[in-house]
Amino acid sequence: MTTPTPSPTTFPPHPGRLPEPGPARSRRRLAAGVVAVLLVVVGAAAAVRWTRGGDTDPLAGRPRVTDDRAGLSYAVPEGWKHDAAKDKGLIGAFSSQISKVAPAGAEEAGATVLAGPAGRTVPRADLGRMTESAARSNAEFFFPGRAATLEESHDTVLDGRPAHTAVLNVEGDEGSARLAMTVVTVPGERTSFLLGLSTGTVDPAVAADIEAVLADATVG
C-alpha cells in the first residue's frame, strides 16, 4: 500500500490540536480531536536550505526543510524528497512533509514525515500523556479501525527544548504500519510536532531514517 492519504469526509473539526489538560475522563474525550483536519489549503511556509552537522551526524550535509508555521527545521535523508509545491496542498493540520522515494516495484510500501503546529504549550509533566494520546489519535485517523500498540514512549530534548516521542505499531488486514510522533515546545508558548508514518513491510533503514529526522530536528 502507499502512504495513506486521509479522506476529507472522515475528519473531526479541529486541526492538529493537543487536548487541554483536565480530568482523566476529559482528556480521553478531547484526544479524539487531536488530528482533526479542516479543508483548508495552507500557504507553504517551508523552504529547503542546506546545512551541515557534525561529522558523525547521519544527516550531516543533507538539505533541510525549514517550516516557519511549525517553527521547526528537519533534514531530508538520502532517498527522500521534499516538494514545496505539494506543501501548499496539505490539509490544515500539516504544514510540510517529506516522502521516501520508493524504488521501482515497491508500490506496497511508503513512508512520510509530516510537520505542523500542535497548539498551546503543554506542561512537561503532561507532555508524555498528551503525545501518546495524539499518536493514538493519528493512528486512528490514518488507519481507522486498526489496532495500535504502543512500542515505546520516552521524554527527550529537541534542540534544548522539552519534547516527547511515542511510537506505535499498527496492525490490520491491510498489513502493518508504524507511526512515530514527537511533540516539542517551541517559542511563542506553543507546541509543534513531527509525525513519521511508514507502511508495508518493515524496513529497518526507513525506520532509522524517520528516527534520525525526528531526533535531528531543530526549533526556530
N, C-alpha and C. Protein backbone atom coordinates (compact mmCIF):
# COMPACT_ATOMS: atom_id res chain seq x y z
N MET A 1 0.83 -1.19 0.00
CA MET A 1 0.00 0.00 0.00
C MET A 1 0.86 1.24 0.00
N THR A 2 0.37 2.30 -0.48
CA THR A 2 1.11 3.56 -0.45
C THR A 2 0.86 4.25 0.88
N THR A 3 1.66 5.28 1.19
CA THR A 3 1.44 6.05 2.39
C THR A 3 0.04 6.63 2.35
N PRO A 4 -0.72 6.49 3.45
CA PRO A 4 -2.14 6.85 3.40
C PRO A 4 -2.38 8.32 3.17
N THR A 5 -3.39 8.60 2.39
CA THR A 5 -3.87 9.97 2.21
C THR A 5 -5.24 10.06 2.84
N PRO A 6 -5.43 10.93 3.85
CA PRO A 6 -6.69 10.97 4.56
C PRO A 6 -7.85 11.38 3.66
N SER A 7 -9.00 10.84 3.94
CA SER A 7 -10.22 11.24 3.24
C SER A 7 -10.85 12.41 3.97
N PRO A 8 -11.12 13.53 3.30
CA PRO A 8 -11.65 14.72 3.97
C PRO A 8 -12.95 14.45 4.71
N THR A 9 -13.71 13.48 4.27
CA THR A 9 -15.03 13.25 4.87
C THR A 9 -14.94 12.61 6.24
N THR A 10 -13.74 12.15 6.63
CA THR A 10 -13.62 11.45 7.91
C THR A 10 -13.13 12.33 9.04
N PHE A 11 -12.85 13.62 8.78
CA PHE A 11 -12.16 14.41 9.77
C PHE A 11 -13.10 15.08 10.77
N PRO A 12 -12.75 15.04 12.07
CA PRO A 12 -13.39 15.91 13.04
C PRO A 12 -13.00 17.36 12.77
N PRO A 13 -13.57 18.34 13.51
CA PRO A 13 -13.43 19.73 13.08
C PRO A 13 -12.23 20.54 13.54
N HIS A 14 -11.29 20.03 14.33
CA HIS A 14 -10.22 20.88 14.85
C HIS A 14 -8.85 20.36 14.45
N PRO A 15 -8.09 21.08 13.63
CA PRO A 15 -6.85 20.54 13.10
C PRO A 15 -5.69 20.56 14.07
N GLY A 16 -5.02 19.41 14.20
CA GLY A 16 -3.72 19.33 14.86
C GLY A 16 -3.61 19.89 16.24
N ARG A 17 -4.63 19.83 17.05
CA ARG A 17 -4.57 20.41 18.39
C ARG A 17 -4.39 19.34 19.45
N LEU A 18 -3.50 19.63 20.42
CA LEU A 18 -3.36 18.74 21.55
C LEU A 18 -4.53 18.95 22.50
N PRO A 19 -4.97 17.90 23.20
CA PRO A 19 -6.07 18.06 24.14
C PRO A 19 -5.69 18.93 25.31
N GLU A 20 -6.63 19.69 25.83
CA GLU A 20 -6.40 20.51 27.01
C GLU A 20 -6.23 19.63 28.24
N PRO A 21 -5.35 20.05 29.20
CA PRO A 21 -5.24 19.29 30.44
C PRO A 21 -6.57 19.34 31.19
N GLY A 22 -6.84 18.31 31.94
CA GLY A 22 -8.07 18.27 32.71
C GLY A 22 -8.22 16.92 33.35
N PRO A 23 -9.39 16.60 33.89
CA PRO A 23 -9.61 15.28 34.48
C PRO A 23 -9.36 14.20 33.45
N ALA A 24 -8.97 13.01 33.92
CA ALA A 24 -8.60 11.92 33.02
C ALA A 24 -9.69 11.61 32.02
N ARG A 25 -10.95 11.60 32.44
CA ARG A 25 -12.04 11.28 31.52
C ARG A 25 -12.13 12.32 30.42
N SER A 26 -11.91 13.59 30.79
CA SER A 26 -11.98 14.66 29.78
C SER A 26 -10.85 14.53 28.79
N ARG A 27 -9.66 14.17 29.27
CA ARG A 27 -8.52 14.03 28.37
C ARG A 27 -8.81 12.99 27.30
N ARG A 28 -9.45 11.89 27.71
CA ARG A 28 -9.72 10.82 26.76
C ARG A 28 -10.66 11.29 25.66
N ARG A 29 -11.68 12.06 26.04
CA ARG A 29 -12.62 12.54 25.04
C ARG A 29 -11.98 13.57 24.14
N LEU A 30 -11.17 14.46 24.74
CA LEU A 30 -10.56 15.53 23.95
C LEU A 30 -9.51 15.01 22.98
N ALA A 31 -8.86 13.88 23.33
CA ALA A 31 -7.81 13.34 22.47
C ALA A 31 -8.33 12.99 21.09
N ALA A 32 -9.62 12.73 20.99
CA ALA A 32 -10.18 12.32 19.71
C ALA A 32 -10.06 13.40 18.66
N GLY A 33 -9.91 14.67 19.08
CA GLY A 33 -9.84 15.74 18.10
C GLY A 33 -8.45 16.18 17.75
N VAL A 34 -7.42 15.46 18.24
CA VAL A 34 -6.05 15.92 18.04
C VAL A 34 -5.67 16.01 16.57
N VAL A 35 -6.08 15.01 15.79
CA VAL A 35 -5.64 15.00 14.40
C VAL A 35 -6.70 15.49 13.44
N ALA A 36 -7.70 16.16 13.97
CA ALA A 36 -8.77 16.62 13.10
C ALA A 36 -8.24 17.60 12.09
N VAL A 37 -8.85 17.62 10.92
CA VAL A 37 -8.35 18.45 9.84
C VAL A 37 -9.47 19.23 9.18
N LEU A 38 -9.22 20.53 8.91
CA LEU A 38 -10.14 21.34 8.14
C LEU A 38 -9.77 21.29 6.67
N LEU A 39 -10.74 21.49 5.80
CA LEU A 39 -10.46 21.51 4.36
C LEU A 39 -9.95 22.89 3.98
N VAL A 40 -8.74 23.16 4.42
CA VAL A 40 -8.13 24.45 4.16
C VAL A 40 -6.81 24.22 3.44
N VAL A 41 -6.60 24.88 2.36
CA VAL A 41 -5.33 24.79 1.65
C VAL A 41 -4.41 25.84 2.26
N VAL A 42 -3.34 25.39 2.87
CA VAL A 42 -2.46 26.30 3.58
C VAL A 42 -1.39 26.83 2.66
N GLY A 43 -0.93 28.04 2.93
CA GLY A 43 0.19 28.58 2.17
C GLY A 43 1.46 27.88 2.59
N ALA A 44 2.34 27.68 1.68
CA ALA A 44 3.58 26.97 2.00
C ALA A 44 4.45 27.86 2.86
N ALA A 45 4.87 27.29 4.02
CA ALA A 45 5.77 28.02 4.89
C ALA A 45 7.12 27.34 4.93
N ALA A 46 7.31 26.33 4.09
CA ALA A 46 8.53 25.56 4.16
C ALA A 46 9.44 25.89 2.98
N ALA A 47 10.72 25.89 3.26
CA ALA A 47 11.70 26.10 2.20
C ALA A 47 12.88 25.20 2.48
N VAL A 48 13.57 24.79 1.45
CA VAL A 48 14.72 23.92 1.64
C VAL A 48 15.98 24.76 1.72
N ARG A 49 16.82 24.42 2.67
CA ARG A 49 18.11 25.07 2.73
C ARG A 49 19.16 24.01 3.05
N TRP A 50 20.39 24.30 2.75
CA TRP A 50 21.45 23.35 3.03
C TRP A 50 22.10 23.68 4.37
N THR A 51 22.51 22.64 5.05
CA THR A 51 23.20 22.83 6.32
C THR A 51 24.14 21.65 6.52
N ARG A 52 25.01 21.72 7.46
CA ARG A 52 25.92 20.62 7.74
C ARG A 52 26.07 20.49 9.24
N GLY A 53 25.86 19.26 9.74
CA GLY A 53 26.03 18.99 11.16
C GLY A 53 27.43 18.47 11.42
N GLY A 54 27.59 17.76 12.56
CA GLY A 54 28.87 17.18 12.89
C GLY A 54 29.21 16.03 11.96
N ASP A 55 30.48 15.62 11.99
CA ASP A 55 30.94 14.57 11.09
C ASP A 55 30.26 13.24 11.37
N THR A 56 29.81 13.01 12.63
CA THR A 56 29.17 11.75 12.98
C THR A 56 27.66 11.80 12.79
N ASP A 57 27.11 12.90 12.42
CA ASP A 57 25.68 13.04 12.21
C ASP A 57 25.29 12.34 10.92
N PRO A 58 24.36 11.32 10.99
CA PRO A 58 23.99 10.62 9.75
C PRO A 58 23.29 11.53 8.74
N LEU A 59 22.81 12.68 9.20
CA LEU A 59 22.13 13.61 8.31
C LEU A 59 22.99 14.83 7.97
N ALA A 60 24.26 14.76 8.32
CA ALA A 60 25.16 15.88 8.04
C ALA A 60 25.21 16.16 6.55
N GLY A 61 25.08 17.43 6.19
CA GLY A 61 25.19 17.83 4.81
C GLY A 61 23.93 17.62 4.00
N ARG A 62 22.88 17.04 4.60
CA ARG A 62 21.65 16.84 3.87
C ARG A 62 20.85 18.14 3.81
N PRO A 63 20.03 18.33 2.76
CA PRO A 63 19.16 19.51 2.73
C PRO A 63 18.16 19.45 3.87
N ARG A 64 17.64 20.62 4.23
CA ARG A 64 16.69 20.68 5.33
C ARG A 64 15.42 21.42 4.89
N VAL A 65 14.33 21.06 5.51
CA VAL A 65 13.07 21.79 5.34
C VAL A 65 12.93 22.74 6.51
N THR A 66 12.77 24.00 6.23
CA THR A 66 12.52 24.99 7.27
C THR A 66 11.04 25.34 7.23
N ASP A 67 10.31 24.90 8.23
CA ASP A 67 8.87 25.04 8.29
C ASP A 67 8.54 26.16 9.28
N ASP A 68 8.29 27.35 8.76
CA ASP A 68 8.05 28.50 9.61
C ASP A 68 6.74 28.39 10.39
N ARG A 69 5.75 27.78 9.81
CA ARG A 69 4.47 27.66 10.50
C ARG A 69 4.58 26.75 11.72
N ALA A 70 5.32 25.66 11.58
CA ALA A 70 5.52 24.76 12.71
C ALA A 70 6.64 25.25 13.63
N GLY A 71 7.51 26.11 13.12
CA GLY A 71 8.65 26.57 13.91
C GLY A 71 9.73 25.50 14.03
N LEU A 72 9.86 24.66 13.00
CA LEU A 72 10.80 23.55 13.04
C LEU A 72 11.63 23.50 11.76
N SER A 73 12.81 22.92 11.87
CA SER A 73 13.64 22.61 10.72
C SER A 73 14.05 21.16 10.83
N TYR A 74 13.97 20.41 9.73
CA TYR A 74 14.34 18.99 9.79
C TYR A 74 14.98 18.57 8.48
N ALA A 75 15.80 17.52 8.58
CA ALA A 75 16.62 17.10 7.45
C ALA A 75 15.84 16.20 6.49
N VAL A 76 16.32 16.16 5.25
CA VAL A 76 15.78 15.28 4.22
C VAL A 76 16.82 14.18 3.98
N PRO A 77 16.59 12.96 4.47
CA PRO A 77 17.59 11.90 4.30
C PRO A 77 17.80 11.55 2.82
N GLU A 78 18.89 10.88 2.55
CA GLU A 78 19.15 10.41 1.19
C GLU A 78 18.04 9.45 0.79
N GLY A 79 17.52 9.62 -0.43
CA GLY A 79 16.44 8.78 -0.91
C GLY A 79 15.06 9.30 -0.56
N TRP A 80 15.01 10.42 0.15
CA TRP A 80 13.74 11.08 0.47
C TRP A 80 13.62 12.36 -0.36
N LYS A 81 12.41 12.90 -0.44
CA LYS A 81 12.18 14.08 -1.28
C LYS A 81 11.24 15.06 -0.58
N HIS A 82 11.55 16.34 -0.73
CA HIS A 82 10.65 17.40 -0.30
C HIS A 82 10.19 18.18 -1.52
N ASP A 83 8.88 18.35 -1.63
CA ASP A 83 8.28 19.10 -2.74
C ASP A 83 7.50 20.27 -2.16
N ALA A 84 8.09 21.47 -2.21
CA ALA A 84 7.45 22.64 -1.62
C ALA A 84 6.10 22.93 -2.24
N ALA A 85 5.93 22.61 -3.53
CA ALA A 85 4.65 22.85 -4.19
C ALA A 85 3.55 21.99 -3.56
N LYS A 86 3.89 20.76 -3.19
CA LYS A 86 2.89 19.89 -2.57
C LYS A 86 2.53 20.33 -1.16
N ASP A 87 3.45 21.03 -0.49
CA ASP A 87 3.13 21.56 0.84
C ASP A 87 1.93 22.49 0.78
N LYS A 88 1.77 23.19 -0.35
CA LYS A 88 0.66 24.13 -0.48
C LYS A 88 -0.69 23.42 -0.44
N GLY A 89 -0.73 22.16 -0.83
CA GLY A 89 -1.98 21.43 -0.87
C GLY A 89 -2.25 20.60 0.37
N LEU A 90 -1.38 20.67 1.37
CA LEU A 90 -1.61 19.90 2.59
C LEU A 90 -2.85 20.40 3.33
N ILE A 91 -3.57 19.47 3.93
CA ILE A 91 -4.70 19.84 4.76
C ILE A 91 -4.20 20.55 6.01
N GLY A 92 -5.10 21.28 6.67
CA GLY A 92 -4.70 22.28 7.65
C GLY A 92 -3.89 21.83 8.83
N ALA A 93 -3.96 20.54 9.21
CA ALA A 93 -3.21 20.09 10.37
C ALA A 93 -1.71 20.04 10.11
N PHE A 94 -1.31 20.01 8.84
CA PHE A 94 0.09 19.82 8.49
C PHE A 94 0.60 20.99 7.65
N SER A 95 1.88 21.32 7.82
CA SER A 95 2.42 22.46 7.10
C SER A 95 3.59 22.10 6.18
N SER A 96 4.16 20.91 6.32
CA SER A 96 5.20 20.47 5.40
C SER A 96 5.34 18.96 5.50
N GLN A 97 5.99 18.37 4.49
CA GLN A 97 6.20 16.93 4.51
C GLN A 97 7.38 16.54 3.64
N ILE A 98 7.97 15.40 3.95
CA ILE A 98 8.94 14.76 3.08
C ILE A 98 8.49 13.32 2.88
N SER A 99 8.84 12.72 1.74
CA SER A 99 8.42 11.35 1.45
C SER A 99 9.59 10.54 0.97
N LYS A 100 9.56 9.26 1.33
CA LYS A 100 10.58 8.33 0.86
C LYS A 100 10.34 8.02 -0.60
N VAL A 101 11.36 8.12 -1.40
CA VAL A 101 11.26 7.80 -2.82
C VAL A 101 11.36 6.28 -2.95
N ALA A 102 10.22 5.64 -3.28
CA ALA A 102 10.18 4.18 -3.34
C ALA A 102 10.86 3.67 -4.60
N PRO A 103 11.62 2.59 -4.49
CA PRO A 103 12.24 2.01 -5.69
C PRO A 103 11.19 1.37 -6.58
N ALA A 104 11.55 1.13 -7.82
CA ALA A 104 10.63 0.51 -8.76
C ALA A 104 10.17 -0.85 -8.24
N GLY A 105 8.86 -1.09 -8.34
CA GLY A 105 8.31 -2.36 -7.89
C GLY A 105 7.97 -2.41 -6.43
N ALA A 106 8.14 -1.29 -5.70
CA ALA A 106 7.86 -1.27 -4.27
C ALA A 106 6.60 -0.48 -3.97
N GLU A 107 5.56 -0.72 -4.74
CA GLU A 107 4.33 0.06 -4.62
C GLU A 107 3.57 -0.21 -3.33
N GLU A 108 3.87 -1.35 -2.67
CA GLU A 108 3.13 -1.71 -1.48
C GLU A 108 3.70 -1.06 -0.22
N ALA A 109 4.72 -0.26 -0.33
CA ALA A 109 5.33 0.37 0.83
C ALA A 109 5.43 1.87 0.61
N GLY A 110 5.44 2.61 1.69
CA GLY A 110 5.59 4.05 1.60
C GLY A 110 6.00 4.62 2.94
N ALA A 111 6.56 5.81 2.95
CA ALA A 111 6.96 6.45 4.19
C ALA A 111 6.89 7.96 4.01
N THR A 112 6.44 8.63 5.05
CA THR A 112 6.29 10.08 5.04
C THR A 112 6.60 10.63 6.43
N VAL A 113 7.20 11.81 6.47
CA VAL A 113 7.30 12.59 7.71
C VAL A 113 6.56 13.89 7.48
N LEU A 114 5.64 14.21 8.37
CA LEU A 114 4.85 15.44 8.30
C LEU A 114 5.15 16.30 9.53
N ALA A 115 5.04 17.60 9.35
CA ALA A 115 5.23 18.53 10.46
C ALA A 115 4.05 19.49 10.54
N GLY A 116 3.83 20.05 11.71
CA GLY A 116 2.76 21.03 11.85
C GLY A 116 2.70 21.59 13.26
N PRO A 117 1.94 22.64 13.47
CA PRO A 117 1.73 23.20 14.79
C PRO A 117 0.71 22.36 15.56
N ALA A 118 0.92 22.19 16.87
CA ALA A 118 0.03 21.36 17.67
C ALA A 118 -0.82 22.17 18.65
N GLY A 119 -0.56 23.46 18.80
CA GLY A 119 -1.38 24.27 19.70
C GLY A 119 -0.60 24.84 20.86
N ARG A 120 -1.28 24.94 21.99
CA ARG A 120 -0.73 25.59 23.17
C ARG A 120 0.40 24.79 23.78
N THR A 121 1.17 25.43 24.67
CA THR A 121 2.22 24.75 25.41
C THR A 121 1.62 23.74 26.37
N VAL A 122 2.24 22.58 26.46
CA VAL A 122 1.81 21.52 27.37
C VAL A 122 2.80 21.46 28.52
N PRO A 123 2.34 21.45 29.79
CA PRO A 123 3.27 21.30 30.91
C PRO A 123 4.11 20.04 30.74
N ARG A 124 5.37 20.11 31.14
CA ARG A 124 6.26 18.97 30.92
C ARG A 124 5.72 17.69 31.55
N ALA A 125 5.07 17.83 32.69
CA ALA A 125 4.53 16.66 33.37
C ALA A 125 3.43 15.97 32.56
N ASP A 126 2.77 16.72 31.69
CA ASP A 126 1.68 16.17 30.87
C ASP A 126 2.11 15.83 29.44
N LEU A 127 3.35 16.16 29.09
CA LEU A 127 3.76 16.05 27.69
C LEU A 127 3.72 14.61 27.19
N GLY A 128 4.16 13.66 28.03
CA GLY A 128 4.15 12.27 27.61
C GLY A 128 2.75 11.75 27.35
N ARG A 129 1.85 12.02 28.28
CA ARG A 129 0.47 11.57 28.13
C ARG A 129 -0.19 12.19 26.91
N MET A 130 0.04 13.47 26.70
CA MET A 130 -0.56 14.15 25.57
C MET A 130 0.00 13.63 24.24
N THR A 131 1.31 13.35 24.21
CA THR A 131 1.92 12.84 22.98
C THR A 131 1.37 11.46 22.65
N GLU A 132 1.24 10.61 23.65
CA GLU A 132 0.68 9.28 23.41
C GLU A 132 -0.76 9.38 22.91
N SER A 133 -1.55 10.28 23.50
CA SER A 133 -2.93 10.47 23.04
C SER A 133 -2.95 10.96 21.60
N ALA A 134 -2.06 11.90 21.29
CA ALA A 134 -2.00 12.44 19.93
C ALA A 134 -1.58 11.35 18.94
N ALA A 135 -0.60 10.54 19.33
CA ALA A 135 -0.15 9.46 18.45
C ALA A 135 -1.27 8.46 18.19
N ARG A 136 -2.00 8.09 19.23
CA ARG A 136 -3.11 7.15 19.05
C ARG A 136 -4.21 7.75 18.17
N SER A 137 -4.48 9.02 18.36
CA SER A 137 -5.50 9.67 17.54
C SER A 137 -5.08 9.73 16.07
N ASN A 138 -3.79 9.99 15.85
CA ASN A 138 -3.29 9.97 14.47
C ASN A 138 -3.38 8.58 13.87
N ALA A 139 -3.08 7.56 14.67
CA ALA A 139 -3.18 6.19 14.19
C ALA A 139 -4.62 5.87 13.78
N GLU A 140 -5.57 6.29 14.58
CA GLU A 140 -6.98 6.05 14.25
C GLU A 140 -7.39 6.84 13.01
N PHE A 141 -6.82 8.03 12.88
CA PHE A 141 -7.14 8.89 11.75
C PHE A 141 -6.62 8.31 10.43
N PHE A 142 -5.35 7.92 10.42
CA PHE A 142 -4.75 7.42 9.20
C PHE A 142 -5.10 5.96 8.93
N PHE A 143 -5.32 5.18 10.00
CA PHE A 143 -5.59 3.75 9.86
C PHE A 143 -6.84 3.39 10.66
N PRO A 144 -7.99 3.89 10.29
CA PRO A 144 -9.21 3.71 11.09
C PRO A 144 -9.57 2.23 11.28
N GLY A 145 -9.94 1.92 12.52
CA GLY A 145 -10.39 0.58 12.83
C GLY A 145 -9.29 -0.45 13.02
N ARG A 146 -8.03 -0.02 12.97
CA ARG A 146 -6.91 -0.95 13.11
C ARG A 146 -6.28 -0.81 14.48
N ALA A 147 -5.90 -1.94 15.08
CA ALA A 147 -5.34 -1.94 16.43
C ALA A 147 -3.95 -1.32 16.43
N ALA A 148 -3.70 -0.44 17.40
CA ALA A 148 -2.40 0.22 17.53
C ALA A 148 -1.79 -0.13 18.89
N THR A 149 -0.56 -0.59 18.88
CA THR A 149 0.14 -0.98 20.11
C THR A 149 1.29 -0.01 20.36
N LEU A 150 1.36 0.51 21.59
CA LEU A 150 2.44 1.43 21.95
C LEU A 150 3.73 0.64 22.10
N GLU A 151 4.72 0.94 21.24
CA GLU A 151 6.01 0.25 21.29
C GLU A 151 6.98 0.93 22.25
N GLU A 152 6.97 2.25 22.23
CA GLU A 152 7.85 2.99 23.14
C GLU A 152 7.31 4.39 23.36
N SER A 153 7.69 4.95 24.49
CA SER A 153 7.28 6.32 24.83
C SER A 153 8.33 6.87 25.78
N HIS A 154 8.96 7.97 25.39
CA HIS A 154 10.05 8.48 26.23
C HIS A 154 10.19 9.99 26.10
N ASP A 155 10.59 10.61 27.20
CA ASP A 155 10.93 12.02 27.18
C ASP A 155 12.23 12.20 26.41
N THR A 156 12.37 13.35 25.77
CA THR A 156 13.61 13.66 25.07
C THR A 156 13.78 15.18 25.08
N VAL A 157 14.87 15.63 24.53
CA VAL A 157 15.14 17.07 24.40
C VAL A 157 15.43 17.32 22.94
N LEU A 158 14.72 18.25 22.35
CA LEU A 158 14.92 18.58 20.94
C LEU A 158 15.44 20.00 20.84
N ASP A 159 16.68 20.11 20.40
CA ASP A 159 17.30 21.42 20.27
C ASP A 159 17.20 22.21 21.58
N GLY A 160 17.40 21.52 22.70
CA GLY A 160 17.40 22.16 24.01
C GLY A 160 16.03 22.39 24.62
N ARG A 161 14.98 21.92 23.97
CA ARG A 161 13.62 22.15 24.45
C ARG A 161 12.94 20.83 24.81
N PRO A 162 12.03 20.88 25.81
CA PRO A 162 11.35 19.65 26.23
C PRO A 162 10.57 19.04 25.08
N ALA A 163 10.65 17.73 24.95
CA ALA A 163 9.93 17.02 23.90
C ALA A 163 9.60 15.62 24.39
N HIS A 164 8.73 14.95 23.65
CA HIS A 164 8.39 13.56 23.96
C HIS A 164 8.13 12.84 22.66
N THR A 165 8.53 11.57 22.62
CA THR A 165 8.33 10.74 21.43
C THR A 165 7.54 9.49 21.79
N ALA A 166 6.54 9.18 20.98
CA ALA A 166 5.76 7.95 21.12
C ALA A 166 5.79 7.20 19.80
N VAL A 167 5.94 5.88 19.86
CA VAL A 167 5.98 5.05 18.67
C VAL A 167 4.92 3.97 18.78
N LEU A 168 4.11 3.82 17.73
CA LEU A 168 3.04 2.84 17.70
C LEU A 168 3.25 1.87 16.54
N ASN A 169 2.89 0.61 16.77
CA ASN A 169 2.81 -0.36 15.70
C ASN A 169 1.33 -0.59 15.40
N VAL A 170 0.96 -0.51 14.14
CA VAL A 170 -0.44 -0.62 13.73
C VAL A 170 -0.61 -1.88 12.88
N GLU A 171 -1.53 -2.75 13.29
CA GLU A 171 -1.78 -3.99 12.56
C GLU A 171 -3.17 -3.96 11.95
N GLY A 172 -3.37 -4.76 10.93
CA GLY A 172 -4.68 -4.85 10.31
C GLY A 172 -4.66 -5.76 9.11
N ASP A 173 -5.83 -6.02 8.54
CA ASP A 173 -5.93 -6.90 7.39
C ASP A 173 -5.15 -6.38 6.19
N GLU A 174 -4.96 -5.06 6.14
CA GLU A 174 -4.28 -4.45 5.01
C GLU A 174 -2.76 -4.41 5.19
N GLY A 175 -2.27 -5.02 6.28
CA GLY A 175 -0.83 -5.01 6.51
C GLY A 175 -0.47 -4.19 7.72
N SER A 176 0.82 -4.09 7.98
CA SER A 176 1.31 -3.38 9.15
C SER A 176 1.71 -1.95 8.80
N ALA A 177 1.81 -1.14 9.84
CA ALA A 177 2.26 0.24 9.68
C ALA A 177 2.97 0.64 10.97
N ARG A 178 3.78 1.67 10.88
CA ARG A 178 4.49 2.19 12.05
C ARG A 178 4.31 3.68 12.10
N LEU A 179 4.05 4.19 13.29
CA LEU A 179 3.82 5.62 13.48
C LEU A 179 4.72 6.10 14.61
N ALA A 180 5.49 7.14 14.34
CA ALA A 180 6.34 7.76 15.36
C ALA A 180 6.02 9.25 15.43
N MET A 181 5.78 9.74 16.63
CA MET A 181 5.39 11.15 16.78
C MET A 181 6.21 11.80 17.88
N THR A 182 6.78 12.96 17.57
CA THR A 182 7.49 13.78 18.56
C THR A 182 6.78 15.11 18.68
N VAL A 183 6.45 15.47 19.92
CA VAL A 183 5.84 16.77 20.22
C VAL A 183 6.86 17.57 21.00
N VAL A 184 7.06 18.83 20.61
CA VAL A 184 8.09 19.67 21.23
C VAL A 184 7.55 21.06 21.50
N THR A 185 8.02 21.66 22.57
CA THR A 185 7.68 23.05 22.89
C THR A 185 8.52 23.97 22.01
N VAL A 186 7.88 24.93 21.36
CA VAL A 186 8.59 25.89 20.51
C VAL A 186 8.32 27.30 21.01
N PRO A 187 9.11 28.30 20.57
CA PRO A 187 8.89 29.67 21.04
C PRO A 187 7.47 30.16 20.74
N GLY A 188 7.00 31.03 21.59
CA GLY A 188 5.67 31.60 21.40
C GLY A 188 4.61 30.90 22.20
N GLU A 189 5.03 30.19 23.27
CA GLU A 189 4.09 29.49 24.14
C GLU A 189 3.20 28.53 23.36
N ARG A 190 3.83 27.68 22.56
CA ARG A 190 3.07 26.72 21.77
C ARG A 190 3.89 25.46 21.56
N THR A 191 3.25 24.43 21.02
CA THR A 191 3.93 23.19 20.70
C THR A 191 3.78 22.90 19.21
N SER A 192 4.70 22.07 18.70
CA SER A 192 4.62 21.60 17.33
C SER A 192 4.98 20.12 17.31
N PHE A 193 4.79 19.49 16.16
CA PHE A 193 5.04 18.05 16.10
C PHE A 193 5.70 17.64 14.79
N LEU A 194 6.35 16.49 14.85
CA LEU A 194 6.82 15.76 13.68
C LEU A 194 6.18 14.38 13.75
N LEU A 195 5.64 13.92 12.63
CA LEU A 195 4.92 12.66 12.59
C LEU A 195 5.48 11.80 11.46
N GLY A 196 6.06 10.66 11.82
CA GLY A 196 6.60 9.75 10.82
C GLY A 196 5.68 8.56 10.62
N LEU A 197 5.34 8.27 9.37
CA LEU A 197 4.46 7.15 9.03
C LEU A 197 5.16 6.25 8.02
N SER A 198 5.11 4.95 8.24
CA SER A 198 5.62 4.00 7.25
C SER A 198 4.64 2.85 7.15
N THR A 199 4.43 2.36 5.94
CA THR A 199 3.50 1.27 5.69
C THR A 199 4.19 0.18 4.89
N GLY A 200 3.59 -1.00 4.91
CA GLY A 200 4.15 -2.11 4.17
C GLY A 200 5.18 -2.86 4.99
N THR A 201 5.99 -3.65 4.33
CA THR A 201 7.00 -4.46 5.00
C THR A 201 7.94 -3.57 5.80
N VAL A 202 8.17 -3.96 7.07
CA VAL A 202 9.03 -3.15 7.93
C VAL A 202 10.44 -3.11 7.35
N ASP A 203 10.92 -1.91 7.12
CA ASP A 203 12.26 -1.71 6.59
C ASP A 203 13.09 -1.00 7.66
N PRO A 204 14.06 -1.68 8.26
CA PRO A 204 14.86 -1.06 9.33
C PRO A 204 15.51 0.24 8.89
N ALA A 205 15.90 0.33 7.62
CA ALA A 205 16.55 1.56 7.13
C ALA A 205 15.58 2.72 7.12
N VAL A 206 14.34 2.47 6.72
CA VAL A 206 13.33 3.52 6.72
C VAL A 206 13.01 3.95 8.15
N ALA A 207 12.86 2.97 9.04
CA ALA A 207 12.60 3.29 10.45
C ALA A 207 13.74 4.13 11.03
N ALA A 208 14.98 3.79 10.65
CA ALA A 208 16.14 4.55 11.13
C ALA A 208 16.13 5.96 10.57
N ASP A 209 15.74 6.12 9.30
CA ASP A 209 15.64 7.46 8.71
C ASP A 209 14.65 8.32 9.48
N ILE A 210 13.47 7.75 9.76
CA ILE A 210 12.43 8.52 10.46
C ILE A 210 12.92 8.89 11.86
N GLU A 211 13.53 7.92 12.55
CA GLU A 211 14.05 8.20 13.89
C GLU A 211 15.09 9.32 13.84
N ALA A 212 15.96 9.28 12.84
CA ALA A 212 17.01 10.30 12.73
C ALA A 212 16.42 11.67 12.44
N VAL A 213 15.41 11.74 11.56
CA VAL A 213 14.78 13.03 11.24
C VAL A 213 14.15 13.62 12.48
N LEU A 214 13.41 12.82 13.25
CA LEU A 214 12.75 13.32 14.44
C LEU A 214 13.76 13.78 15.49
N ALA A 215 14.84 13.03 15.65
CA ALA A 215 15.83 13.35 16.67
C ALA A 215 16.70 14.53 16.29
N ASP A 216 16.88 14.75 14.99
CA ASP A 216 17.80 15.77 14.49
C ASP A 216 17.13 17.14 14.30
N ALA A 217 15.80 17.19 14.41
CA ALA A 217 15.09 18.45 14.15
C ALA A 217 15.55 19.57 15.07
N THR A 218 15.48 20.78 14.55
CA THR A 218 15.82 21.96 15.36
C THR A 218 14.61 22.89 15.43
N VAL A 219 14.61 23.72 16.45
CA VAL A 219 13.49 24.61 16.73
C VAL A 219 13.81 26.02 16.28
N GLY A 220 12.84 26.66 15.62
CA GLY A 220 13.02 28.04 15.24
C GLY A 220 13.47 28.20 13.80
